[in-house]
Amino acid sequence: MNHNIGESVRPSEGNEVNLVRVLMVRVTVFALLVCLCASVVIFYQAKVRIQTNIMQSGNTLVQLLKNEVTRTKGSFQFSLDRLEDISLTSISDIASAMGVCTEVKNIFNQTVIDQCFGDESASPRIISLGLSKLIDINMRSESSLHTSNSGVVVGQLITYPNINHESNKIWQQLSVVFIMTLSILLLNLLIYLPVRKALNPTDEILKTISLLENGDLTARMPKPELRELRRITVGFDHLTSRLECTLAEQRVLAQRLLTVREEERRYLARELHDEFGQLLTAISADSTFLSSRLKSTDPQALPAIVSIKTNTSDIMANLQNLLSQLRPQGLTEFGLKSSLDYLVESWQRRLPDLCIIFEVDGKLDGLDDNTNVTIYRIVQESLTNALKHGKPTKIIISIKKSSDEIDITINDNGCGLNIDETNAGNGVLGMRERVAALGGVFEIIQNKTDGVCVIAKIKLNANTTGQTYG
């Protein structure tokens, strides 16, 4: 199983979304926007209310003050000092409801009384400052005071906003808005905590998926309390189990096919060697005998005899090359380590300027025939590809055997390969199939500097410790 498959389907981190965090942020932003909009509406309504009250309060308050202003001293006496002891009790109720301040001046433009009505309790100073910025501080209503019987002007009534009263009224409304906003935020938190707890297993689920992407089909999903997640994880585990069984069956079939193929190759190599080898040897011996006999009796036939002998030698060389392709020479007789030593030495003899370092860590004895042939073919094909395409000057072959795995690494310093084209080749495809049949992992990577690195990891199990099929 290719452990890089998951890389193509894993979403990038930039596209990831934390559902719980997104929901919490959106609800919080919504609550704050509602609070802000409500505050703006409250201030706007306060501005409109103040303007209306000031415009309407002037005439109303003047009418209420007529009776208090109109007082006689004797039968026909009228005094201009009658505003000096005015108390404004006649307008206190309506002025308190409107939340205004009143200033009474006499005919000499002297302030007789200046009094504010309404709720004077303290409110946050920022509200008073904001309200003062919002309304016109010079907003006021001026009306003349005159007696109700004679219409004589005795003074002036000035009405202007009571900022403290309006600020307190705004603060009361804002308090309700703030309480509602805090209630929404608290509700958001109360929803967030259980949802986060219910979705906590998603971290474990993602870890399990990562293990499965890396080829560990034994990993299983957690069992979350949330019913929907539990049904998903149970279904996922069922699919994983089915996949594990299917891959196991495919691996057994691939191993069987590999064994049958190697047995067939071994049989063909033996038959070709025994039958064609003996026949070609006989032809070569007969041609030598005929050459010696016809040398004196029929010299004209000698060229034909020499041609027969030459062709026989070429056929024997081709047969020897075909036999090495069907079955690695000496693998059964001398073992894997000796066969690989011979393979490396043969390349060194052909290319004296090439440096090949062959390292083995651990004993390679006791492996079954499939594993021996797979390792040999990987090294053989990797050397061929490197020398054919990469033109390297140095190749390092490393084989490390542990208790449960064999790691094979072939690293060269050549000019590199086209990985896509190389993966599509029959040689690489054959190596990949062989490794997969043994339950291992195979990959070819381009080095950061130069060259190519071939990596194969073969698991050691009951099928790679001396057992063969058939």
Protein backbone atom coordinates (compact mmCIF):
# COMPACT_ATOMS: atom_id res chain seq x y z
CA MET A 1 0.00 0.00 0.00
CA ASN A 2 1.46 3.32 -1.02
CA HIS A 3 1.77 5.44 2.09
CA ASN A 4 1.78 8.64 0.05
CA ILE A 5 -1.77 8.24 -1.20
CA GLY A 6 -3.18 10.26 1.69
CA GLU A 7 -1.11 13.30 0.78
CA SER A 8 -3.25 13.98 -2.30
CA VAL A 9 -6.55 13.93 -0.41
CA ARG A 10 -5.51 15.70 2.77
CA PRO A 11 -6.80 19.26 2.81
CA SER A 12 -4.33 22.09 3.17
CA GLU A 13 -4.15 23.85 6.50
CA GLY A 14 -5.28 27.10 4.96
CA ASN A 15 -8.66 25.56 4.05
CA GLU A 16 -9.31 23.97 7.43
CA VAL A 17 -12.25 25.30 9.48
CA ASN A 18 -12.81 24.82 13.20
CA LEU A 19 -16.58 24.47 13.30
CA VAL A 20 -16.99 25.08 17.04
CA ARG A 21 -14.77 28.16 17.00
CA VAL A 22 -16.47 29.58 13.91
CA LEU A 23 -19.93 29.18 15.44
CA MET A 24 -18.83 30.76 18.70
CA VAL A 25 -17.19 33.71 16.95
CA ARG A 26 -20.22 34.29 14.73
CA VAL A 27 -22.69 34.22 17.61
CA THR A 28 -20.45 36.55 19.62
CA VAL A 29 -20.10 38.98 16.72
CA PHE A 30 -23.86 38.85 16.16
CA ALA A 31 -24.56 39.64 19.84
CA LEU A 32 -22.11 42.56 19.80
CA LEU A 33 -23.58 43.92 16.56
CA VAL A 34 -27.08 43.74 18.05
CA CYS A 35 -25.82 45.56 21.14
CA LEU A 36 -24.14 48.22 19.02
CA CYS A 37 -27.18 48.75 16.79
CA ALA A 38 -29.52 48.91 19.79
CA SER A 39 -27.24 51.49 21.44
CA VAL A 40 -27.24 53.63 18.30
CA VAL A 41 -31.04 53.43 18.13
CA ILE A 42 -31.38 54.38 21.81
CA PHE A 43 -29.16 57.45 21.38
CA TYR A 44 -30.99 58.45 18.22
CA GLN A 45 -34.38 58.12 19.92
CA ALA A 46 -33.07 60.18 22.84
CA LYS A 47 -32.01 62.94 20.44
CA VAL A 48 -35.41 62.97 18.74
CA ARG A 49 -37.19 62.89 22.10
CA ILE A 50 -35.17 65.82 23.45
CA GLN A 51 -35.84 67.91 20.38
CA THR A 52 -39.56 67.15 20.54
CA ASN A 53 -39.80 67.88 24.26
CA ILE A 54 -37.99 71.19 23.96
CA MET A 55 -40.11 72.31 21.03
CA GLN A 56 -43.39 71.34 22.69
CA SER A 57 -42.62 72.21 26.31
CA GLY A 58 -42.34 75.99 25.91
CA ASN A 59 -45.97 76.90 25.30
CA THR A 60 -47.25 74.18 27.64
CA LEU A 61 -45.19 75.32 30.58
CA VAL A 62 -46.03 79.00 29.93
CA GLN A 63 -49.75 78.24 30.10
CA LEU A 64 -49.28 76.41 33.40
CA LEU A 65 -47.30 79.29 34.86
CA LYS A 66 -49.95 81.93 34.09
CA ASN A 67 -51.96 81.30 37.22
CA GLU A 68 -48.90 81.40 39.38
CA VAL A 69 -47.61 84.56 37.76
CA THR A 70 -50.96 86.41 37.79
CA ARG A 71 -51.41 87.63 41.41
CA THR A 72 -52.98 90.84 42.59
CA LYS A 73 -51.91 93.05 45.49
CA GLY A 74 -55.03 94.92 46.52
CA SER A 75 -57.90 95.58 44.20
CA PHE A 76 -56.04 97.28 41.31
CA GLN A 77 -52.38 96.98 42.17
CA PHE A 78 -49.93 95.20 39.86
CA SER A 79 -46.35 94.57 40.95
CA LEU A 80 -43.34 93.91 38.76
CA ASP A 81 -41.61 91.98 41.48
CA ARG A 82 -44.18 89.18 41.50
CA LEU A 83 -41.62 86.73 39.90
CA GLU A 84 -39.34 86.97 42.89
CA ASP A 85 -41.16 84.32 44.89
CA ILE A 86 -42.34 82.05 42.09
CA SER A 87 -41.95 78.33 42.98
CA LEU A 88 -42.70 76.53 39.64
CA THR A 89 -44.87 73.96 41.48
CA SER A 90 -47.46 74.14 38.75
CA ILE A 91 -45.07 72.76 36.11
CA SER A 92 -43.03 70.31 38.20
CA ASP A 93 -44.97 67.21 37.20
CA ILE A 94 -44.97 67.74 33.45
CA ALA A 95 -41.43 69.12 33.46
CA SER A 96 -40.25 66.05 35.37
CA ALA A 97 -41.94 63.80 32.82
CA MET A 98 -40.30 65.67 29.96
CA GLY A 99 -36.93 65.85 31.72
CA VAL A 100 -36.23 69.52 31.09
CA CYS A 101 -34.66 72.40 32.91
CA THR A 102 -36.39 75.78 33.20
CA GLU A 103 -34.99 79.25 33.74
CA VAL A 104 -37.28 82.21 34.61
CA LYS A 105 -36.07 85.76 33.99
CA ASN A 106 -37.79 89.01 34.94
CA ILE A 107 -38.31 91.97 32.66
CA PHE A 108 -34.85 93.18 33.56
CA ASN A 109 -33.36 89.95 32.11
CA GLN A 110 -32.32 88.87 35.55
CA THR A 111 -32.56 85.15 36.40
CA VAL A 112 -35.18 84.64 39.07
CA ILE A 113 -35.07 80.87 39.22
CA ASP A 114 -33.18 78.11 37.36
CA GLN A 115 -34.35 74.58 38.14
CA CYS A 116 -33.99 71.14 36.49
CA PHE A 117 -36.69 68.49 36.68
CA GLY A 118 -36.56 64.72 36.30
CA ASP A 119 -34.31 61.88 37.47
CA GLU A 120 -31.00 63.29 38.66
CA SER A 121 -29.43 59.94 39.70
CA ALA A 122 -25.91 59.28 38.52
CA SER A 123 -25.17 57.52 35.23
CA PRO A 124 -21.85 56.69 33.55
CA ARG A 125 -20.10 59.87 32.50
CA ILE A 126 -19.41 58.50 29.04
CA ILE A 127 -23.15 58.51 28.32
CA SER A 128 -23.45 62.18 29.31
CA LEU A 129 -20.47 63.07 27.16
CA GLY A 130 -21.84 61.12 24.20
CA LEU A 131 -25.26 62.71 24.54
CA SER A 132 -23.72 66.18 24.79
CA LYS A 133 -21.83 65.56 21.56
CA LEU A 134 -24.97 64.26 19.88
CA ILE A 135 -27.33 67.17 20.61
CA ASP A 136 -26.95 70.91 20.24
CA ILE A 137 -25.89 72.32 23.60
CA ASN A 138 -27.59 75.62 22.67
CA MET A 139 -30.93 73.88 22.07
CA ARG A 140 -33.56 75.77 24.06
CA SER A 141 -37.04 77.20 23.92
CA GLU A 142 -37.78 80.80 24.95
CA SER A 143 -41.32 82.02 25.73
CA SER A 144 -42.64 85.26 27.27
CA LEU A 145 -44.50 85.21 30.59
CA HIS A 146 -47.49 87.48 30.89
CA THR A 147 -50.50 87.80 33.09
CA SER A 148 -53.64 85.95 32.11
CA ASN A 149 -56.04 88.96 32.61
CA SER A 150 -54.12 91.92 31.23
CA GLY A 151 -51.51 90.25 29.05
CA VAL A 152 -48.71 92.28 30.61
CA VAL A 153 -45.29 90.70 30.03
CA VAL A 154 -43.66 90.10 33.36
CA GLY A 155 -40.73 87.89 32.36
CA GLN A 156 -39.38 85.12 30.19
CA LEU A 157 -39.38 81.29 30.46
CA ILE A 158 -36.39 79.43 28.98
CA THR A 159 -36.55 75.63 28.58
CA TYR A 160 -33.47 73.48 27.82
CA PRO A 161 -32.60 69.73 28.08
CA ASN A 162 -31.78 68.06 31.40
CA ILE A 163 -28.72 66.06 30.30
CA ASN A 164 -28.55 64.08 33.56
CA HIS A 165 -32.18 62.99 33.25
CA GLU A 166 -31.79 61.88 29.64
CA SER A 167 -28.45 60.18 30.36
CA ASN A 168 -30.02 58.19 33.17
CA LYS A 169 -32.91 57.20 30.91
CA ILE A 170 -30.48 56.09 28.21
CA TRP A 171 -28.44 54.17 30.79
CA GLN A 172 -31.54 52.29 31.92
CA GLN A 173 -32.31 51.28 28.34
CA LEU A 174 -28.69 50.38 27.64
CA SER A 175 -28.61 48.26 30.79
CA VAL A 176 -31.42 46.15 29.39
CA VAL A 177 -29.54 45.81 26.09
CA PHE A 178 -26.30 44.88 27.87
CA ILE A 179 -28.08 42.28 29.97
CA MET A 180 -29.61 40.76 26.85
CA THR A 181 -26.22 40.76 25.11
CA LEU A 182 -24.54 39.11 28.09
CA SER A 183 -27.36 36.57 28.18
CA ILE A 184 -26.71 35.70 24.51
CA LEU A 185 -22.96 35.42 25.16
CA LEU A 186 -23.58 33.25 28.21
CA LEU A 187 -25.92 31.06 26.21
CA ASN A 188 -23.26 30.88 23.50
CA LEU A 189 -20.73 29.72 26.09
CA LEU A 190 -23.15 27.19 27.56
CA ILE A 191 -23.69 25.76 24.08
CA TYR A 192 -19.99 25.90 23.17
CA LEU A 193 -18.77 23.87 26.15
CA PRO A 194 -20.89 20.74 25.59
CA VAL A 195 -20.40 20.93 21.82
CA ARG A 196 -16.63 21.14 22.24
CA LYS A 197 -16.73 18.20 24.64
CA ALA A 198 -18.83 16.21 22.21
CA LEU A 199 -16.43 17.01 19.33
CA ASN A 200 -13.26 16.34 21.32
CA PRO A 201 -12.99 12.81 19.85
CA THR A 202 -12.45 14.38 16.43
CA ASP A 203 -8.78 14.86 17.32
CA GLU A 204 -8.46 11.13 17.95
CA ILE A 205 -10.40 10.44 14.76
CA LEU A 206 -7.96 12.58 12.76
CA LYS A 207 -5.00 10.78 14.33
CA THR A 208 -6.53 7.44 13.39
CA ILE A 209 -7.11 8.63 9.82
CA SER A 210 -3.46 9.73 9.67
CA LEU A 211 -2.37 6.25 10.78
CA LEU A 212 -4.58 4.68 8.13
CA GLU A 213 -3.11 7.01 5.48
CA ASN A 214 0.34 5.78 6.46
CA GLY A 215 -0.72 2.18 5.91
CA ASP A 216 -1.56 1.09 9.48
CA LEU A 217 -4.85 -0.70 8.87
CA THR A 218 -4.89 -2.02 12.43
CA ALA A 219 -5.77 1.47 13.75
CA ARG A 220 -9.33 1.82 14.97
CA MET A 221 -11.55 4.80 15.62
CA PRO A 222 -12.50 5.99 19.15
CA LYS A 223 -16.06 5.51 20.34
CA PRO A 224 -17.41 9.05 21.03
CA GLU A 225 -20.53 9.69 23.10
CA LEU A 226 -22.17 11.74 20.35
CA ARG A 227 -24.49 9.37 18.51
CA GLU A 228 -23.80 10.76 15.05
CA LEU A 229 -20.03 10.58 15.48
CA ARG A 230 -20.27 7.09 16.95
CA ARG A 231 -22.21 5.86 13.92
CA ILE A 232 -19.59 7.39 11.62
CA THR A 233 -16.67 5.83 13.50
CA VAL A 234 -18.33 2.41 13.67
CA GLY A 235 -19.00 2.52 9.93
CA PHE A 236 -15.44 3.66 9.29
CA ASP A 237 -14.02 0.80 11.38
CA HIS A 238 -16.19 -1.64 9.43
CA LEU A 239 -14.86 -0.30 6.12
CA THR A 240 -11.29 -0.47 7.44
CA SER A 241 -11.76 -4.08 8.51
CA ARG A 242 -13.15 -4.96 5.09
CA LEU A 243 -10.24 -3.17 3.40
CA GLU A 244 -7.75 -4.95 5.66
CA CYS A 245 -9.25 -8.33 4.78
CA THR A 246 -9.32 -7.49 1.08
CA LEU A 247 -5.68 -6.34 1.07
CA ALA A 248 -4.68 -9.45 3.03
CA GLU A 249 -6.39 -11.63 0.46
CA GLN A 250 -4.76 -9.72 -2.37
CA ARG A 251 -1.38 -10.03 -0.68
CA VAL A 252 -1.79 -13.79 -0.30
CA LEU A 253 -2.83 -14.04 -3.94
CA ALA A 254 0.12 -11.87 -5.02
CA GLN A 255 2.49 -13.99 -2.99
CA ARG A 256 1.07 -17.11 -4.57
CA LEU A 257 1.39 -15.64 -8.05
CA LEU A 258 4.94 -14.54 -7.29
CA THR A 259 5.80 -18.02 -6.07
CA VAL A 260 4.25 -19.66 -9.12
CA ARG A 261 6.08 -17.26 -11.42
CA GLU A 262 9.44 -17.88 -9.76
CA GLU A 263 8.87 -21.65 -9.85
CA GLU A 264 8.03 -21.42 -13.54
CA ARG A 265 11.12 -19.32 -14.18
CA ARG A 266 13.26 -21.74 -12.19
CA TYR A 267 11.82 -24.65 -14.17
CA LEU A 268 12.40 -22.91 -17.52
CA ALA A 269 15.94 -21.96 -16.55
CA ARG A 270 16.71 -25.54 -15.52
CA GLU A 271 15.22 -27.02 -18.69
CA LEU A 272 16.99 -24.52 -20.93
CA HIS A 273 20.27 -25.16 -19.18
CA ASP A 274 19.94 -28.93 -19.20
CA GLU A 275 18.51 -29.42 -22.70
CA PHE A 276 19.75 -26.54 -24.83
CA GLY A 277 23.02 -26.32 -22.93
CA GLN A 278 23.88 -29.97 -23.65
CA LEU A 279 22.81 -29.68 -27.28
CA LEU A 280 24.85 -26.54 -27.85
CA THR A 281 27.84 -28.14 -26.13
CA ALA A 282 27.48 -31.17 -28.40
CA ILE A 283 27.24 -28.95 -31.50
CA SER A 284 30.35 -27.04 -30.41
CA ALA A 285 32.25 -30.33 -29.83
CA ASP A 286 31.13 -31.76 -33.16
CA SER A 287 32.13 -28.63 -35.01
CA THR A 288 35.58 -28.80 -33.42
CA PHE A 289 35.92 -32.46 -34.45
CA LEU A 290 34.79 -31.75 -38.00
CA SER A 291 37.15 -28.81 -38.23
CA SER A 292 40.13 -31.02 -37.36
CA ARG A 293 39.07 -33.81 -39.77
CA LEU A 294 38.20 -31.59 -42.74
CA LYS A 295 41.25 -29.43 -42.38
CA SER A 296 43.31 -31.86 -44.49
CA THR A 297 40.63 -33.63 -46.52
CA ASP A 298 38.21 -30.80 -47.43
CA PRO A 299 39.62 -27.32 -46.63
CA GLN A 300 36.77 -25.62 -48.51
CA ALA A 301 34.28 -26.75 -45.81
CA LEU A 302 36.28 -25.18 -42.98
CA PRO A 303 34.62 -21.69 -43.16
CA ALA A 304 31.19 -23.23 -42.75
CA ILE A 305 32.38 -25.28 -39.77
CA VAL A 306 33.95 -22.16 -38.19
CA SER A 307 30.69 -20.25 -38.74
CA ILE A 308 28.74 -23.04 -37.06
CA LYS A 309 31.11 -22.93 -34.09
CA THR A 310 30.90 -19.14 -33.85
CA ASN A 311 27.11 -19.11 -34.02
CA THR A 312 26.98 -21.82 -31.40
CA SER A 313 29.13 -19.70 -29.07
CA ASP A 314 26.85 -16.71 -29.62
CA ILE A 315 23.77 -18.80 -28.90
CA MET A 316 25.40 -20.10 -25.71
CA ALA A 317 26.17 -16.51 -24.61
CA ASN A 318 22.59 -15.39 -25.31
CA LEU A 319 21.28 -18.46 -23.51
CA GLN A 320 23.44 -17.62 -20.51
CA ASN A 321 22.05 -14.05 -20.50
CA LEU A 322 18.47 -15.37 -20.78
CA LEU A 323 19.07 -17.77 -17.91
CA SER A 324 20.32 -14.92 -15.69
CA GLN A 325 17.15 -12.97 -16.46
CA LEU A 326 14.94 -15.93 -15.65
CA ARG A 327 16.80 -16.84 -12.48
CA PRO A 328 19.63 -14.98 -10.67
CA GLN A 329 22.80 -16.99 -11.01
CA GLY A 330 23.91 -18.78 -7.89
CA LEU A 331 21.06 -17.48 -5.74
CA THR A 332 19.90 -20.93 -4.69
CA GLU A 333 23.37 -22.46 -4.53
CA PHE A 334 25.38 -19.70 -2.84
CA GLY A 335 22.78 -17.48 -1.15
CA LEU A 336 21.62 -13.87 -1.46
CA LYS A 337 24.73 -12.14 -0.10
CA SER A 338 27.10 -13.93 -2.49
CA SER A 339 24.81 -13.35 -5.46
CA LEU A 340 24.67 -9.62 -4.73
CA ASP A 341 28.46 -9.49 -4.31
CA TYR A 342 28.84 -11.12 -7.72
CA LEU A 343 26.34 -8.67 -9.25
CA VAL A 344 28.22 -5.67 -7.87
CA GLU A 345 31.59 -7.07 -8.96
CA SER A 346 30.31 -7.69 -12.48
CA TRP A 347 29.27 -4.02 -12.79
CA GLN A 348 32.60 -2.89 -11.34
CA ARG A 349 34.46 -4.95 -13.92
CA ARG A 350 32.43 -3.45 -16.74
CA LEU A 351 32.73 0.14 -15.39
CA PRO A 352 36.08 0.53 -13.58
CA ASP A 353 35.53 4.26 -12.97
CA LEU A 354 32.26 3.63 -11.13
CA CYS A 355 32.37 3.43 -7.33
CA ILE A 356 29.79 1.03 -5.86
CA ILE A 357 29.61 0.68 -2.08
CA PHE A 358 27.71 -2.39 -0.89
CA GLU A 359 26.78 -2.52 2.82
CA VAL A 360 24.88 -5.25 4.64
CA ASP A 361 23.78 -4.91 8.26
CA GLY A 362 22.54 -8.22 9.65
CA LYS A 363 22.51 -11.75 8.30
CA LEU A 364 20.51 -12.45 5.18
CA ASP A 365 20.33 -16.20 5.80
CA GLY A 366 17.05 -18.03 6.34
CA LEU A 367 14.90 -15.88 4.06
CA ASP A 368 12.42 -17.58 1.77
CA ASP A 369 12.96 -17.75 -1.97
CA ASN A 370 10.43 -14.98 -2.78
CA THR A 371 12.16 -12.52 -0.48
CA ASN A 372 15.63 -13.43 -1.81
CA VAL A 373 14.54 -12.96 -5.42
CA THR A 374 12.71 -9.69 -4.60
CA ILE A 375 15.76 -8.16 -2.90
CA TYR A 376 18.04 -9.29 -5.72
CA ARG A 377 15.74 -7.89 -8.41
CA ILE A 378 15.40 -4.55 -6.59
CA VAL A 379 19.17 -4.12 -6.44
CA GLN A 380 19.62 -5.34 -10.02
CA GLU A 381 16.91 -3.11 -11.50
CA SER A 382 18.00 -0.06 -9.46
CA LEU A 383 21.60 -0.42 -10.65
CA THR A 384 20.44 -0.80 -14.25
CA ASN A 385 18.18 2.28 -14.10
CA ALA A 386 20.82 4.41 -12.37
CA LEU A 387 23.55 3.54 -14.88
CA LYS A 388 21.22 3.78 -17.87
CA HIS A 389 19.54 7.09 -17.05
CA GLY A 390 21.47 8.86 -14.28
CA LYS A 391 25.12 8.40 -15.29
CA PRO A 392 26.34 8.41 -11.65
CA THR A 393 29.92 8.12 -10.45
CA LYS A 394 28.99 6.66 -7.07
CA ILE A 395 26.24 4.29 -5.92
CA ILE A 396 25.63 3.24 -2.32
CA ILE A 397 23.66 0.05 -1.70
CA SER A 398 22.54 -0.51 1.88
CA ILE A 399 20.59 -3.51 3.21
CA LYS A 400 19.62 -3.54 6.89
CA LYS A 401 17.86 -6.46 8.49
CA SER A 402 16.07 -6.09 11.81
CA SER A 403 13.87 -8.50 13.70
CA ASP A 404 10.72 -7.58 11.75
CA GLU A 405 11.84 -5.71 8.63
CA ILE A 406 14.40 -5.48 5.86
CA ASP A 407 15.29 -1.97 4.67
CA ILE A 408 16.85 -1.61 1.22
CA THR A 409 18.28 1.72 0.06
CA ILE A 410 20.04 2.41 -3.25
CA ASN A 411 21.36 5.96 -3.47
CA ASP A 412 23.26 7.45 -6.42
CA ASN A 413 24.72 10.86 -7.30
CA GLY A 414 23.64 10.91 -10.93
CA CYS A 415 21.70 13.56 -12.81
CA GLY A 416 18.40 12.21 -11.57
CA LEU A 417 15.37 10.68 -13.24
CA ASN A 418 11.92 11.71 -14.35
CA ILE A 419 10.06 10.15 -11.43
CA ASP A 420 6.72 9.95 -13.26
CA GLU A 421 8.22 8.23 -16.31
CA THR A 422 10.31 5.96 -14.13
CA ASN A 423 7.31 4.88 -12.05
CA ALA A 424 5.49 3.97 -15.27
CA GLY A 425 8.31 1.67 -16.46
CA ASN A 426 7.98 -2.10 -16.37
CA GLY A 427 11.09 -2.50 -14.22
CA VAL A 428 9.87 -0.16 -11.47
CA LEU A 429 6.36 -1.58 -11.74
CA GLY A 430 7.77 -5.08 -11.27
CA MET A 431 9.73 -3.98 -8.18
CA ARG A 432 6.66 -2.28 -6.73
CA GLU A 433 4.50 -5.38 -7.29
CA ARG A 434 7.08 -7.67 -5.72
CA VAL A 435 7.40 -5.51 -2.61
CA ALA A 436 3.62 -5.10 -2.31
CA ALA A 437 3.18 -8.88 -2.55
CA LEU A 438 5.39 -9.21 0.53
CA GLY A 439 3.43 -6.53 2.42
CA GLY A 440 6.14 -3.91 2.11
CA VAL A 441 6.51 -0.32 0.93
CA PHE A 442 8.39 0.88 -2.15
CA GLU A 443 9.16 4.40 -3.32
CA ILE A 444 11.54 6.38 -5.49
CA ILE A 445 12.44 9.90 -4.43
CA GLN A 446 14.56 12.63 -5.99
CA ASN A 447 17.45 13.73 -3.79
CA LYS A 448 17.63 17.41 -2.80
CA THR A 449 21.10 17.82 -4.35
CA ASP A 450 21.43 15.26 -7.14
CA GLY A 451 20.64 11.67 -7.93
CA VAL A 452 17.84 9.33 -6.96
CA CYS A 453 17.13 7.26 -3.89
CA VAL A 454 15.26 3.96 -4.12
CA ILE A 455 13.74 2.79 -0.83
CA ALA A 456 12.08 -0.56 -0.15
CA LYS A 457 10.85 -1.86 3.20
CA ILE A 458 9.87 -5.52 3.40
CA LYS A 459 8.08 -6.86 6.46
CA LEU A 460 9.35 -10.12 7.89
CA ASN A 461 6.54 -12.52 8.71
CA ALA A 462 5.66 -16.16 8.36
CA ASN A 463 6.00 -15.94 4.60
CA THR A 464 9.54 -14.53 4.61
CA THR A 465 11.31 -16.85 7.01
CA GLY A 466 11.92 -19.93 4.96
CA GLN A 467 8.44 -20.94 3.78
CA THR A 468 7.50 -21.20 0.11
CA TYR A 469 4.35 -22.20 -1.65
CA GLY A 470 4.07 -25.26 -3.84
